[in-house]
């Protein structure tokens, strides 16, 4: 994962308020992994997006 390129192409800033413990965990994970906090967030959001395509209305609804 460290060798993969994340957060490429045109970038857009997104400001969000998140729980303090989540922000601190991202900072610690960045320090321990050597990845930038922005890269960790992008990785997590891309994984969430791929698991929840229904939020994008990209898949047929399930019943």
C-alpha atoms as a PDB file:
ATOM      1  CA  UNK A   1       0.000   0.000   0.000  1.00  0.00           C
ATOM      2  CA  UNK A   2       2.845   2.413   0.730  1.00  0.00           C
ATOM      3  CA  UNK A   3       4.144   2.062  -2.816  1.00  0.00           C
ATOM      4  CA  UNK A   4       0.760   2.922  -4.333  1.00  0.00           C
ATOM      5  CA  UNK A   5       0.102   6.481  -5.406  1.00  0.00           C
ATOM      6  CA  UNK A   6      -2.813   8.125  -3.645  1.00  0.00           C
ATOM      7  CA  UNK A   7      -4.412  11.516  -3.943  1.00  0.00           C
ATOM      8  CA  UNK A   8      -3.319  12.097  -7.525  1.00  0.00           C
ATOM      9  CA  UNK A   9      -4.811  14.370 -10.115  1.00  0.00           C
ATOM     10  CA  UNK A  10      -6.708  17.549  -9.439  1.00  0.00           C
ATOM     11  CA  UNK A  11      -7.223  18.076  -5.720  1.00  0.00           C
ATOM     12  CA  UNK A  12     -10.072  19.817  -3.944  1.00  0.00           C
ATOM     13  CA  UNK A  13     -10.114  20.795  -0.295  1.00  0.00           C
ATOM     14  CA  UNK A  14     -12.868  19.348   1.868  1.00  0.00           C
ATOM     15  CA  UNK A  15     -13.198  20.647   5.408  1.00  0.00           C
ATOM     16  CA  UNK A  16     -15.011  18.386   7.855  1.00  0.00           C
ATOM     17  CA  UNK A  17     -15.479  18.180  11.595  1.00  0.00           C
ATOM     18  CA  UNK A  18     -14.667  14.741  12.985  1.00  0.00           C
ATOM     19  CA  UNK A  19     -14.419  13.282  16.456  1.00  0.00           C
ATOM     20  CA  UNK A  20     -11.198  14.153  18.253  1.00  0.00           C
ATOM     21  CA  UNK A  21     -10.237  10.518  18.828  1.00  0.00           C
ATOM     22  CA  UNK A  22     -10.639   9.751  15.112  1.00  0.00           C
ATOM     23  CA  UNK A  23      -8.434  12.710  14.152  1.00  0.00           C
ATOM     24  CA  UNK A  24      -5.817  11.650  16.696  1.00  0.00           C
ATOM     25  CA  UNK A  25      -5.902   8.077  15.378  1.00  0.00           C
ATOM     26  CA  UNK A  26      -5.298   9.334  11.820  1.00  0.00           C
ATOM     27  CA  UNK A  27      -2.347  11.406  13.045  1.00  0.00           C
ATOM     28  CA  UNK A  28      -0.871   8.399  14.878  1.00  0.00           C
ATOM     29  CA  UNK A  29      -1.450   6.104  11.897  1.00  0.00           C
ATOM     30  CA  UNK A  30       0.275   8.637   9.645  1.00  0.00           C
ATOM     31  CA  UNK A  31       3.250   8.830  11.972  1.00  0.00           C
ATOM     32  CA  UNK A  32       3.538   5.039  12.283  1.00  0.00           C
ATOM     33  CA  UNK A  33       2.996   4.273   8.595  1.00  0.00           C
ATOM     34  CA  UNK A  34       4.958   7.085   6.997  1.00  0.00           C
ATOM     35  CA  UNK A  35       1.911   7.992   4.900  1.00  0.00           C
ATOM     36  CA  UNK A  36       0.508  11.494   4.869  1.00  0.00           C
ATOM     37  CA  UNK A  37      -2.735  12.013   6.795  1.00  0.00           C
ATOM     38  CA  UNK A  38      -4.418  13.108   3.541  1.00  0.00           C
ATOM     39  CA  UNK A  39      -3.389   9.822   1.892  1.00  0.00           C
ATOM     40  CA  UNK A  40      -4.820   7.795   4.779  1.00  0.00           C
ATOM     41  CA  UNK A  41      -8.102   9.682   4.546  1.00  0.00           C
ATOM     42  CA  UNK A  42      -8.283   9.177   0.771  1.00  0.00           C
ATOM     43  CA  UNK A  43      -7.577   5.451   1.143  1.00  0.00           C
ATOM     44  CA  UNK A  44     -10.299   5.108   3.780  1.00  0.00           C
ATOM     45  CA  UNK A  45     -12.845   7.109   1.786  1.00  0.00           C
ATOM     46  CA  UNK A  46     -12.152   5.203  -1.430  1.00  0.00           C
ATOM     47  CA  UNK A  47     -12.686   1.921   0.420  1.00  0.00           C
ATOM     48  CA  UNK A  48     -15.907   3.236   1.955  1.00  0.00           C
ATOM     49  CA  UNK A  49     -17.091   4.490  -1.434  1.00  0.00           C
ATOM     50  CA  UNK A  50     -16.438   1.105  -3.079  1.00  0.00           C
ATOM     51  CA  UNK A  51     -18.469  -0.614  -0.357  1.00  0.00           C
ATOM     52  CA  UNK A  52     -21.359   1.845  -0.568  1.00  0.00           C
ATOM     53  CA  UNK A  53     -21.977   2.484  -4.237  1.00  0.00           C
ATOM     54  CA  UNK A  54     -25.655   2.654  -3.358  1.00  0.00           C
ATOM     55  CA  UNK A  55     -24.941   6.058  -1.799  1.00  0.00           C
ATOM     56  CA  UNK A  56     -23.863   7.198  -5.267  1.00  0.00           C
ATOM     57  CA  UNK A  57     -26.909   5.550  -6.806  1.00  0.00           C
ATOM     58  CA  UNK A  58     -24.470   3.610  -8.976  1.00  0.00           C
ATOM     59  CA  UNK A  59     -26.104   0.249  -8.314  1.00  0.00           C
ATOM     60  CA  UNK A  60     -29.698  -0.900  -8.483  1.00  0.00           C
ATOM     61  CA  UNK A  61     -31.494  -0.623  -5.126  1.00  0.00           C
ATOM     62  CA  UNK A  62     -31.816  -3.814  -3.129  1.00  0.00           C
ATOM     63  CA  UNK A  63     -34.998  -4.867  -1.413  1.00  0.00           C
END
